[in-house]
N, C-alpha and C. Protein backbone atom coordinates (compact mmCIF):
# COMPACT_ATOMS: atom_id res chain seq x y z
N MET A 1 -5.47 10.25 5.49
CA MET A 1 -4.46 11.29 5.05
C MET A 1 -4.23 12.42 6.00
N LYS A 2 -5.03 13.40 6.00
CA LYS A 2 -4.85 14.55 6.73
C LYS A 2 -4.36 14.12 8.03
N ALA A 3 -4.79 13.09 8.95
CA ALA A 3 -4.10 12.77 10.04
C ALA A 3 -2.45 12.45 10.01
N GLN A 4 -2.34 11.80 8.93
CA GLN A 4 -0.97 11.32 8.16
C GLN A 4 0.07 12.22 8.31
N GLU A 5 -0.36 13.30 7.78
CA GLU A 5 0.36 14.63 7.18
C GLU A 5 0.66 15.36 8.57
N SER A 6 -0.65 15.40 9.57
CA SER A 6 -0.54 15.85 10.79
C SER A 6 0.65 15.47 11.74
N GLU A 7 0.47 13.98 11.59
CA GLU A 7 1.56 13.21 12.32
C GLU A 7 2.90 13.28 11.81
N VAL A 8 3.21 13.43 10.42
CA VAL A 8 4.56 13.86 10.20
C VAL A 8 5.14 15.06 10.49
N LEU A 9 4.09 15.89 10.40
CA LEU A 9 4.63 17.50 10.81
C LEU A 9 5.05 17.46 12.08
N GLU A 10 4.43 16.83 12.98
CA GLU A 10 4.65 16.95 14.59
C GLU A 10 5.92 16.14 14.71
N ASN A 11 6.00 14.97 13.92
CA ASN A 11 7.37 14.20 13.90
C ASN A 11 8.59 15.05 13.63
N ILE A 12 8.45 16.06 12.74
CA ILE A 12 9.64 16.98 12.13
C ILE A 12 9.79 17.88 13.31
N ARG A 13 8.65 18.43 13.82
CA ARG A 13 8.88 19.68 14.89
C ARG A 13 9.57 18.95 16.11
N LYS A 14 9.17 17.78 16.63
CA LYS A 14 9.88 17.03 17.58
C LYS A 14 11.32 16.93 17.24
N LYS A 15 11.81 16.57 16.05
CA LYS A 15 12.83 16.27 15.74
C LYS A 15 13.74 17.62 15.78
N ILE A 16 13.29 18.70 15.22
CA ILE A 16 13.97 20.06 15.13
C ILE A 16 13.98 20.37 16.26
N ALA A 17 13.12 20.32 17.59
CA ALA A 17 13.27 20.70 18.78
C ALA A 17 14.41 19.74 19.56
N THR A 18 14.60 18.63 19.16
CA THR A 18 15.88 17.87 19.98
C THR A 18 16.93 18.01 19.59
N ASP A 19 16.93 18.43 18.06
CA ASP A 19 18.43 18.98 17.57
C ASP A 19 19.06 19.99 18.03
N GLY A 20 18.40 20.77 18.75
CA GLY A 20 19.06 22.03 19.45
C GLY A 20 18.79 23.24 18.46
N SER A 21 19.20 24.41 18.85
CA SER A 21 18.80 25.97 18.61
C SER A 21 19.66 25.99 17.41
N ASP A 22 20.67 25.60 17.33
CA ASP A 22 21.74 25.71 16.24
C ASP A 22 20.91 25.73 14.74
N SER A 23 20.97 27.00 13.98
CA SER A 23 20.49 26.82 12.56
C SER A 23 20.82 25.78 11.75
N GLN A 24 22.20 26.02 11.86
CA GLN A 24 22.94 24.98 10.88
C GLN A 24 22.63 23.31 11.26
N THR A 25 22.41 23.14 12.40
CA THR A 25 21.94 21.82 12.49
C THR A 25 20.43 21.44 12.26
N THR A 26 19.37 22.49 12.17
CA THR A 26 18.21 22.41 11.91
C THR A 26 17.96 22.40 10.27
N GLU A 27 19.01 23.01 9.69
CA GLU A 27 18.83 22.94 8.35
C GLU A 27 19.36 21.55 7.83
N SER A 28 20.38 20.74 8.49
CA SER A 28 20.99 19.76 7.93
C SER A 28 19.86 18.75 7.99
N SER A 29 19.34 18.69 9.28
CA SER A 29 18.22 17.83 9.72
C SER A 29 17.27 17.95 8.84
N LEU A 30 16.68 19.16 8.23
CA LEU A 30 15.63 18.91 7.46
C LEU A 30 16.24 18.21 5.93
N ALA A 31 17.53 19.02 5.67
CA ALA A 31 18.14 18.54 4.43
C ALA A 31 18.01 16.97 4.43
N SER A 32 18.24 16.22 5.35
CA SER A 32 18.86 14.81 5.65
C SER A 32 17.38 14.09 5.21
N LEU A 33 15.90 14.69 5.47
CA LEU A 33 14.79 13.67 5.53
C LEU A 33 14.35 13.87 4.10
N SER A 34 14.07 12.62 3.31
CA SER A 34 13.74 12.55 2.19
C SER A 34 11.95 12.50 2.27
N PRO A 35 11.44 12.66 1.21
CA PRO A 35 10.02 12.71 1.03
C PRO A 35 9.61 11.33 1.44
N LYS A 36 9.99 10.32 1.03
CA LYS A 36 9.82 8.79 1.52
C LYS A 36 9.98 8.58 2.96
N GLU A 37 10.98 9.24 3.47
CA GLU A 37 11.28 9.04 4.93
C GLU A 37 10.06 9.64 5.81
N LEU A 38 9.53 10.85 5.28
CA LEU A 38 8.27 11.48 5.82
C LEU A 38 6.97 10.67 5.70
N LEU A 39 6.78 9.93 4.54
CA LEU A 39 5.67 9.35 4.28
C LEU A 39 5.65 7.90 4.72
N SER A 40 7.05 7.38 4.99
CA SER A 40 7.18 6.02 5.55
C SER A 40 6.73 5.98 6.98
N SER A 41 6.13 7.00 7.82
CA SER A 41 5.78 7.15 9.24
C SER A 41 4.74 6.27 9.45
N GLU A 42 4.41 5.35 8.70
CA GLU A 42 2.99 4.39 8.91
C GLU A 42 3.19 3.71 10.39
N SER A 43 1.95 3.44 10.89
CA SER A 43 1.94 2.68 12.21
C SER A 43 2.04 1.13 11.87
N ALA A 44 2.57 0.41 12.97
CA ALA A 44 2.50 -0.93 12.47
C ALA A 44 1.11 -1.52 12.23
N GLU A 45 0.39 -0.91 12.95
CA GLU A 45 -1.14 -1.25 12.69
C GLU A 45 -1.72 -0.92 11.14
N GLU A 46 -1.28 0.03 10.78
CA GLU A 46 -1.45 0.35 9.42
C GLU A 46 -0.93 -0.39 8.48
N LYS A 47 0.65 -0.66 8.71
CA LYS A 47 1.12 -1.86 7.78
C LYS A 47 0.51 -3.11 7.64
N ALA A 48 0.05 -3.77 8.75
CA ALA A 48 -0.54 -4.82 9.30
C ALA A 48 -2.00 -4.89 8.16
N ARG A 49 -2.72 -3.75 8.14
CA ARG A 49 -4.05 -3.59 7.61
C ARG A 49 -3.89 -3.63 6.20
N LYS A 50 -2.66 -2.89 5.63
CA LYS A 50 -2.59 -3.18 4.30
C LYS A 50 -1.77 -4.43 3.81
N SER A 51 -0.95 -5.10 4.40
CA SER A 51 -0.69 -6.75 4.32
C SER A 51 -2.00 -7.26 4.32
N GLN A 52 -2.99 -7.35 5.08
CA GLN A 52 -3.97 -8.23 4.92
C GLN A 52 -4.75 -7.59 3.75
N THR A 53 -5.01 -6.55 3.61
CA THR A 53 -5.69 -6.41 2.41
C THR A 53 -5.12 -6.90 0.93
N THR A 54 -4.06 -6.83 0.77
CA THR A 54 -3.20 -7.04 -0.07
C THR A 54 -3.09 -8.71 -0.32
N GLN A 55 -3.35 -9.44 0.91
CA GLN A 55 -3.47 -10.76 0.78
C GLN A 55 -4.70 -11.25 0.03
N LYS A 56 -5.75 -10.53 0.58
CA LYS A 56 -7.17 -10.59 0.12
C LYS A 56 -7.14 -10.61 -1.36
N VAL A 57 -6.72 -9.27 -1.84
CA VAL A 57 -6.75 -9.12 -3.11
C VAL A 57 -6.07 -10.30 -4.14
N GLN A 58 -4.94 -10.94 -3.51
CA GLN A 58 -4.16 -11.70 -4.09
C GLN A 58 -5.00 -13.09 -4.35
N GLN A 59 -5.69 -13.24 -3.08
CA GLN A 59 -6.76 -14.45 -3.21
C GLN A 59 -7.83 -14.28 -3.92
N GLU A 60 -8.39 -13.24 -4.28
CA GLU A 60 -9.73 -12.89 -5.32
C GLU A 60 -8.93 -13.11 -6.68
N ILE A 61 -7.56 -12.42 -6.99
CA ILE A 61 -7.42 -12.56 -8.11
C ILE A 61 -6.84 -13.84 -8.57
N GLU A 62 -6.46 -15.01 -7.68
CA GLU A 62 -6.33 -16.10 -7.82
C GLU A 62 -7.35 -17.01 -8.36
N LYS A 63 -8.58 -16.73 -7.19
CA LYS A 63 -9.99 -17.04 -7.69
C LYS A 63 -10.51 -16.84 -9.08
N LEU A 64 -10.36 -15.54 -9.47
CA LEU A 64 -10.67 -15.14 -10.77
C LEU A 64 -9.88 -15.83 -11.75
N ARG A 65 -8.66 -16.02 -11.65
CA ARG A 65 -7.86 -16.58 -12.75
C ARG A 65 -8.15 -18.50 -12.97
N GLN A 66 -8.54 -18.82 -11.91
CA GLN A 66 -9.18 -20.28 -12.03
C GLN A 66 -10.46 -20.38 -12.54
N THR A 67 -11.44 -19.24 -12.29
CA THR A 67 -12.60 -19.24 -12.89
C THR A 67 -12.37 -19.02 -14.44
N LEU A 68 -11.62 -18.10 -14.93
CA LEU A 68 -11.31 -17.85 -16.15
C LEU A 68 -10.64 -18.84 -17.00
N GLY A 69 -10.01 -19.72 -16.34
CA GLY A 69 -9.20 -20.99 -16.72
C GLY A 69 -10.53 -21.96 -17.08
N GLN A 70 -11.12 -21.99 -16.28
CA GLN A 70 -12.13 -23.04 -16.51
C GLN A 70 -13.33 -22.58 -17.67
N ARG A 71 -12.97 -21.24 -18.14
CA ARG A 71 -14.32 -20.80 -18.89
C ARG A 71 -13.37 -21.17 -20.59
N LYS A 72 -11.97 -21.09 -20.36
CA LYS A 72 -11.36 -21.41 -21.78
C LYS A 72 -11.28 -22.83 -22.08
N VAL A 73 -11.76 -23.74 -21.43
CA VAL A 73 -11.97 -24.91 -21.56
C VAL A 73 -13.02 -25.27 -22.59
N VAL A 74 -12.87 -25.82 -23.76
CA VAL A 74 -13.70 -26.15 -24.86
C VAL A 74 -14.39 -27.46 -24.67
N LYS A 75 -15.55 -27.22 -24.49
CA LYS A 75 -16.72 -28.68 -24.17
C LYS A 75 -17.34 -28.92 -25.40
N GLU A 76 -17.60 -30.18 -25.48
CA GLU A 76 -18.27 -30.70 -26.59
C GLU A 76 -19.80 -30.15 -26.62
N LEU A 77 -20.33 -29.81 -27.51
CA LEU A 77 -21.77 -29.54 -27.66
C LEU A 77 -22.68 -31.05 -27.95
N PRO A 78 -23.78 -30.84 -27.15
CA PRO A 78 -24.62 -32.16 -27.60
C PRO A 78 -25.25 -32.01 -28.96
N LYS A 79 -25.29 -33.19 -29.67
CA LYS A 79 -26.02 -33.11 -30.98
C LYS A 79 -27.38 -32.40 -31.00
N GLU A 80 -28.08 -32.12 -29.95
CA GLU A 80 -29.23 -31.34 -30.05
C GLU A 80 -28.86 -29.83 -30.52
N VAL A 81 -28.00 -29.46 -30.08
CA VAL A 81 -27.76 -28.11 -30.22
C VAL A 81 -26.95 -27.91 -31.57
N GLU A 82 -26.19 -28.72 -32.39
CA GLU A 82 -25.79 -28.70 -33.62
C GLU A 82 -26.97 -28.73 -34.55
N THR A 83 -28.01 -29.62 -34.38
CA THR A 83 -29.44 -29.65 -35.49
C THR A 83 -30.01 -28.58 -35.18
N ALA A 84 -29.77 -28.01 -34.16
CA ALA A 84 -30.91 -26.76 -33.90
C ALA A 84 -30.77 -25.57 -34.63
């Protein structure tokens, strides 16, 4: 998390430096950045990792649903169980 924040700040500094020294340009460039844009600066590797994690979670959820579905099936009990 801290590394991501540092990267975001560094990107902002670079953007400010490339916009020129005009203060109005700097203010407008900062105002045009939304928090979502600042936080969405994830690397492609991080996005791929999150995608894989999401897929694995979805697979586990599906397995659990199938197991639960099998549990809901009512099975006939043997006569020995009823007489006991």
